[in-house]
């Protein structure tokens, strides 16, 4: 499992926005739509399409205490899931995280 956690941490550190997702999940699609609307690039890993997807989801649960997708990170900060992302958008927290990452967006 340590290789999986290393993979997760490396992926998060190499991407300003990382979304651990499942391609059929409506909440995941909604989260990606938010970033698309903001014109913010993101790295989406579709766990249902990866051979180690279940292991990655278990590793994320151990790292974040969140078992569901989407599991979203912005500027290496765990934002949470779909509802958490919407709350961060509404509160201005998302704008701050993106600004700290040097991303200009529509917020």
N, C-alpha and C. Protein backbone atom coordinates (compact mmCIF):
# COMPACT_ATOMS: atom_id res chain seq x y z
N UNK A 1 0.82 -1.20 0.00
CA UNK A 1 0.00 0.00 0.00
C UNK A 1 0.86 1.26 0.00
N UNK A 2 2.07 1.18 0.49
CA UNK A 2 2.90 2.37 0.55
C UNK A 2 3.22 2.90 -0.86
N UNK A 3 3.36 2.01 -1.84
CA UNK A 3 3.57 2.47 -3.21
C UNK A 3 2.36 3.24 -3.72
N UNK A 4 1.19 2.79 -3.35
CA UNK A 4 -0.05 3.46 -3.75
C UNK A 4 -0.09 4.86 -3.12
N UNK A 5 0.21 4.95 -1.84
CA UNK A 5 0.19 6.26 -1.17
C UNK A 5 1.24 7.19 -1.76
N UNK A 6 2.40 6.64 -2.13
CA UNK A 6 3.43 7.45 -2.78
C UNK A 6 2.92 7.97 -4.12
N UNK A 7 2.23 7.11 -4.88
CA UNK A 7 1.64 7.50 -6.16
C UNK A 7 0.63 8.63 -5.95
N UNK A 8 -0.23 8.48 -4.94
CA UNK A 8 -1.25 9.49 -4.66
C UNK A 8 -0.58 10.83 -4.33
N UNK A 9 0.37 10.80 -3.43
CA UNK A 9 1.04 12.03 -3.00
C UNK A 9 1.80 12.68 -4.16
N UNK A 10 2.45 11.87 -5.00
CA UNK A 10 3.18 12.39 -6.15
C UNK A 10 2.22 13.05 -7.14
N UNK A 11 1.10 12.39 -7.40
CA UNK A 11 0.11 12.94 -8.33
C UNK A 11 -0.42 14.27 -7.83
N UNK A 12 -0.73 14.34 -6.53
CA UNK A 12 -1.24 15.58 -5.95
C UNK A 12 -0.20 16.69 -6.04
N UNK A 13 1.06 16.35 -5.78
CA UNK A 13 2.11 17.37 -5.78
C UNK A 13 2.44 17.86 -7.19
N UNK A 14 2.20 17.05 -8.20
CA UNK A 14 2.55 17.41 -9.58
C UNK A 14 1.44 18.16 -10.32
N UNK A 15 0.26 18.25 -9.71
CA UNK A 15 -0.89 18.87 -10.37
C UNK A 15 -1.52 19.91 -9.45
N UNK A 16 -1.80 21.07 -9.98
CA UNK A 16 -2.42 22.11 -9.17
C UNK A 16 -3.80 21.67 -8.70
N UNK A 17 -4.56 21.06 -9.58
CA UNK A 17 -5.87 20.52 -9.22
C UNK A 17 -5.89 19.04 -9.60
N UNK A 18 -6.18 18.21 -8.60
CA UNK A 18 -6.28 16.77 -8.83
C UNK A 18 -7.65 16.31 -8.38
N UNK A 19 -8.32 15.56 -9.27
CA UNK A 19 -9.63 15.01 -8.94
C UNK A 19 -9.55 13.50 -9.10
N UNK A 20 -9.70 12.79 -8.00
CA UNK A 20 -9.83 11.34 -8.04
C UNK A 20 -11.31 11.09 -8.24
N UNK A 21 -11.65 10.43 -9.33
CA UNK A 21 -12.99 10.41 -9.86
C UNK A 21 -13.38 9.01 -10.33
N UNK A 22 -14.63 8.87 -10.70
CA UNK A 22 -15.10 7.69 -11.45
C UNK A 22 -15.90 8.24 -12.62
N UNK A 23 -15.66 7.67 -13.78
CA UNK A 23 -16.20 8.25 -15.02
C UNK A 23 -17.72 8.29 -15.05
N UNK A 24 -18.39 7.43 -14.32
CA UNK A 24 -19.85 7.36 -14.36
C UNK A 24 -20.51 8.14 -13.21
N UNK A 25 -19.73 8.73 -12.34
CA UNK A 25 -20.26 9.38 -11.14
C UNK A 25 -20.76 10.79 -11.45
N UNK A 26 -22.06 11.06 -11.21
CA UNK A 26 -22.59 12.40 -11.52
C UNK A 26 -21.96 13.50 -10.65
N UNK A 27 -21.58 13.18 -9.42
CA UNK A 27 -20.94 14.18 -8.56
C UNK A 27 -19.55 14.53 -9.08
N UNK A 28 -18.86 13.53 -9.60
CA UNK A 28 -17.54 13.75 -10.20
C UNK A 28 -17.66 14.62 -11.44
N UNK A 29 -18.65 14.31 -12.27
CA UNK A 29 -18.87 15.11 -13.48
C UNK A 29 -19.18 16.55 -13.12
N UNK A 30 -19.98 16.75 -12.07
CA UNK A 30 -20.30 18.10 -11.62
C UNK A 30 -19.08 18.86 -11.14
N UNK A 31 -18.20 18.17 -10.42
CA UNK A 31 -16.97 18.81 -9.93
C UNK A 31 -16.09 19.22 -11.11
N UNK A 32 -15.95 18.33 -12.08
CA UNK A 32 -15.14 18.65 -13.26
C UNK A 32 -15.76 19.81 -14.04
N UNK A 33 -17.10 19.84 -14.09
CA UNK A 33 -17.79 20.95 -14.77
C UNK A 33 -17.46 22.29 -14.11
N UNK A 34 -17.38 22.30 -12.78
CA UNK A 34 -17.05 23.55 -12.08
C UNK A 34 -15.68 24.06 -12.54
N UNK A 35 -14.69 23.17 -12.58
CA UNK A 35 -13.35 23.60 -13.02
C UNK A 35 -13.35 23.96 -14.50
N UNK A 36 -14.13 23.24 -15.31
CA UNK A 36 -14.23 23.58 -16.73
C UNK A 36 -14.83 24.98 -16.89
N UNK A 37 -15.89 25.27 -16.13
CA UNK A 37 -16.53 26.59 -16.21
C UNK A 37 -15.57 27.70 -15.79
N UNK A 38 -14.70 27.39 -14.82
CA UNK A 38 -13.72 28.37 -14.35
C UNK A 38 -12.50 28.45 -15.26
N UNK A 39 -12.45 27.55 -16.25
CA UNK A 39 -11.31 27.44 -17.17
C UNK A 39 -10.02 27.15 -16.41
N UNK A 40 -10.13 26.23 -15.44
CA UNK A 40 -8.99 25.79 -14.64
C UNK A 40 -8.67 24.34 -15.04
N UNK A 41 -7.43 24.13 -15.46
CA UNK A 41 -7.00 22.78 -15.83
C UNK A 41 -6.91 21.91 -14.58
N UNK A 42 -7.20 20.64 -14.76
CA UNK A 42 -7.12 19.69 -13.66
C UNK A 42 -6.67 18.34 -14.18
N UNK A 43 -6.17 17.53 -13.28
CA UNK A 43 -5.81 16.15 -13.58
C UNK A 43 -6.90 15.29 -12.96
N UNK A 44 -7.63 14.56 -13.78
CA UNK A 44 -8.66 13.65 -13.29
C UNK A 44 -8.17 12.22 -13.47
N UNK A 45 -8.21 11.48 -12.40
CA UNK A 45 -7.88 10.05 -12.45
C UNK A 45 -9.18 9.28 -12.27
N UNK A 46 -9.59 8.58 -13.31
CA UNK A 46 -10.83 7.82 -13.28
C UNK A 46 -10.53 6.44 -12.66
N UNK A 47 -10.84 6.32 -11.38
CA UNK A 47 -10.46 5.13 -10.62
C UNK A 47 -11.08 3.86 -11.17
N UNK A 48 -12.27 3.95 -11.77
CA UNK A 48 -12.90 2.77 -12.34
C UNK A 48 -12.22 2.30 -13.62
N UNK A 49 -11.32 3.10 -14.16
CA UNK A 49 -10.62 2.74 -15.39
C UNK A 49 -9.16 2.36 -15.15
N UNK A 50 -8.70 2.47 -13.91
CA UNK A 50 -7.31 2.15 -13.58
C UNK A 50 -7.22 0.77 -12.94
N UNK A 51 -6.19 0.00 -13.30
CA UNK A 51 -6.05 -1.34 -12.71
C UNK A 51 -5.93 -1.31 -11.19
N UNK A 52 -5.32 -0.27 -10.65
CA UNK A 52 -5.15 -0.14 -9.20
C UNK A 52 -6.19 0.80 -8.58
N UNK A 53 -7.28 1.04 -9.28
CA UNK A 53 -8.27 2.02 -8.83
C UNK A 53 -8.81 1.76 -7.44
N UNK A 54 -9.13 0.52 -7.12
CA UNK A 54 -9.65 0.20 -5.79
C UNK A 54 -8.60 0.44 -4.72
N UNK A 55 -7.35 0.09 -5.02
CA UNK A 55 -6.26 0.33 -4.07
C UNK A 55 -6.03 1.83 -3.87
N UNK A 56 -6.14 2.60 -4.96
CA UNK A 56 -5.97 4.05 -4.86
C UNK A 56 -7.08 4.63 -4.00
N UNK A 57 -8.31 4.17 -4.20
CA UNK A 57 -9.42 4.69 -3.41
C UNK A 57 -9.23 4.33 -1.93
N UNK A 58 -8.73 3.14 -1.64
CA UNK A 58 -8.46 2.75 -0.26
C UNK A 58 -7.34 3.62 0.33
N UNK A 59 -6.30 3.87 -0.46
CA UNK A 59 -5.21 4.73 -0.01
C UNK A 59 -5.69 6.15 0.28
N UNK A 60 -6.56 6.65 -0.57
CA UNK A 60 -7.14 7.99 -0.34
C UNK A 60 -7.95 8.01 0.95
N UNK A 61 -8.70 6.95 1.20
CA UNK A 61 -9.50 6.87 2.42
C UNK A 61 -8.60 6.92 3.66
N UNK A 62 -7.46 6.25 3.57
CA UNK A 62 -6.53 6.25 4.70
C UNK A 62 -5.86 7.62 4.87
N UNK A 63 -5.60 8.31 3.76
CA UNK A 63 -4.95 9.62 3.84
C UNK A 63 -5.90 10.75 4.21
N UNK A 64 -7.17 10.65 3.78
CA UNK A 64 -8.09 11.77 3.93
C UNK A 64 -9.31 11.49 4.80
N UNK A 65 -9.51 10.23 5.16
CA UNK A 65 -10.72 9.80 5.88
C UNK A 65 -11.98 9.98 5.03
N UNK A 66 -11.83 10.13 3.73
CA UNK A 66 -12.96 10.24 2.81
C UNK A 66 -12.96 9.01 1.92
N UNK A 67 -14.06 8.29 1.90
CA UNK A 67 -14.16 7.05 1.13
C UNK A 67 -14.81 7.25 -0.24
N UNK A 68 -15.39 8.42 -0.48
CA UNK A 68 -16.16 8.64 -1.69
C UNK A 68 -15.38 9.45 -2.72
N UNK A 69 -15.89 9.42 -3.94
CA UNK A 69 -15.38 10.27 -5.00
C UNK A 69 -16.50 11.25 -5.36
N UNK A 70 -16.14 12.42 -5.87
CA UNK A 70 -14.79 12.86 -6.16
C UNK A 70 -14.03 13.17 -4.87
N UNK A 71 -12.75 13.00 -4.95
CA UNK A 71 -11.84 13.36 -3.87
C UNK A 71 -10.91 14.40 -4.48
N UNK A 72 -11.05 15.66 -4.07
CA UNK A 72 -10.48 16.80 -4.79
C UNK A 72 -9.38 17.47 -3.97
N UNK A 73 -8.29 17.79 -4.66
CA UNK A 73 -7.17 18.52 -4.07
C UNK A 73 -6.88 19.73 -4.93
N UNK A 74 -6.69 20.87 -4.28
CA UNK A 74 -6.32 22.11 -4.98
C UNK A 74 -5.08 22.66 -4.28
N UNK A 75 -4.02 22.85 -5.07
CA UNK A 75 -2.77 23.36 -4.54
C UNK A 75 -2.31 22.51 -3.34
N UNK A 76 -2.46 21.21 -3.49
CA UNK A 76 -2.06 20.19 -2.52
C UNK A 76 -2.88 20.23 -1.23
N UNK A 77 -3.99 20.96 -1.23
CA UNK A 77 -4.89 21.02 -0.08
C UNK A 77 -6.11 20.15 -0.38
N UNK A 78 -6.46 19.29 0.55
CA UNK A 78 -7.64 18.44 0.37
C UNK A 78 -8.89 19.29 0.54
N UNK A 79 -9.63 19.45 -0.55
CA UNK A 79 -10.87 20.22 -0.52
C UNK A 79 -12.02 19.32 -0.05
N UNK A 80 -12.03 18.07 -0.49
CA UNK A 80 -13.08 17.13 -0.12
C UNK A 80 -13.81 16.64 -1.34
N UNK A 81 -15.13 16.50 -1.20
CA UNK A 81 -15.95 15.99 -2.29
C UNK A 81 -16.71 17.08 -3.00
N UNK A 82 -17.78 16.68 -3.69
CA UNK A 82 -18.56 17.59 -4.51
C UNK A 82 -19.20 18.71 -3.68
N UNK A 83 -19.86 18.36 -2.59
CA UNK A 83 -20.49 19.39 -1.75
C UNK A 83 -19.45 20.32 -1.14
N UNK A 84 -18.30 19.75 -0.75
CA UNK A 84 -17.22 20.57 -0.19
C UNK A 84 -16.69 21.55 -1.23
N UNK A 85 -16.57 21.09 -2.47
CA UNK A 85 -16.11 21.97 -3.54
C UNK A 85 -17.09 23.11 -3.76
N UNK A 86 -18.39 22.80 -3.78
CA UNK A 86 -19.40 23.84 -3.96
C UNK A 86 -19.35 24.84 -2.81
N UNK A 87 -19.16 24.35 -1.60
CA UNK A 87 -19.06 25.24 -0.43
C UNK A 87 -17.82 26.13 -0.53
N UNK A 88 -16.69 25.53 -0.98
CA UNK A 88 -15.45 26.30 -1.14
C UNK A 88 -15.61 27.36 -2.22
N UNK A 89 -16.35 27.04 -3.26
CA UNK A 89 -16.62 28.00 -4.33
C UNK A 89 -17.46 29.16 -3.79
N UNK A 90 -18.51 28.83 -3.05
CA UNK A 90 -19.42 29.84 -2.53
C UNK A 90 -18.76 30.73 -1.46
N UNK A 91 -17.89 30.15 -0.66
CA UNK A 91 -17.28 30.90 0.45
C UNK A 91 -16.06 31.73 0.04
N UNK A 92 -15.53 31.45 -1.15
CA UNK A 92 -14.32 32.14 -1.60
C UNK A 92 -13.05 31.37 -1.31
N UNK A 93 -13.16 30.26 -0.58
CA UNK A 93 -11.97 29.45 -0.26
C UNK A 93 -11.32 28.91 -1.53
N UNK A 94 -12.11 28.51 -2.50
CA UNK A 94 -11.56 27.99 -3.75
C UNK A 94 -10.77 29.07 -4.48
N UNK A 95 -11.30 30.28 -4.52
CA UNK A 95 -10.60 31.39 -5.17
C UNK A 95 -9.25 31.63 -4.51
N UNK A 96 -9.21 31.55 -3.18
CA UNK A 96 -7.95 31.77 -2.46
C UNK A 96 -6.95 30.67 -2.80
N UNK A 97 -7.40 29.42 -2.80
CA UNK A 97 -6.49 28.31 -3.11
C UNK A 97 -5.94 28.42 -4.53
N UNK A 98 -6.80 28.80 -5.46
CA UNK A 98 -6.36 28.94 -6.85
C UNK A 98 -5.40 30.12 -7.00
N UNK A 99 -5.70 31.21 -6.31
CA UNK A 99 -4.82 32.38 -6.37
C UNK A 99 -3.45 32.04 -5.79
N UNK A 100 -3.44 31.33 -4.67
CA UNK A 100 -2.17 30.93 -4.05
C UNK A 100 -1.36 30.03 -4.98
N UNK A 101 -2.06 29.31 -5.84
CA UNK A 101 -1.39 28.44 -6.81
C UNK A 101 -0.97 29.20 -8.07
N UNK A 102 -1.33 30.47 -8.13
CA UNK A 102 -0.96 31.28 -9.30
C UNK A 102 -1.89 31.11 -10.48
N UNK A 103 -3.10 30.63 -10.21
CA UNK A 103 -4.06 30.41 -11.29
C UNK A 103 -5.01 31.57 -11.38
N UNK A 104 -5.11 32.14 -12.57
CA UNK A 104 -6.08 33.19 -12.81
C UNK A 104 -7.34 32.53 -13.35
N UNK A 105 -8.47 32.90 -12.81
CA UNK A 105 -9.72 32.27 -13.21
C UNK A 105 -10.84 33.29 -13.18
N UNK A 106 -12.06 32.84 -13.38
CA UNK A 106 -13.21 33.74 -13.44
C UNK A 106 -13.76 34.13 -12.08
N UNK A 107 -13.16 33.65 -10.99
CA UNK A 107 -13.69 33.97 -9.66
C UNK A 107 -13.35 35.38 -9.27
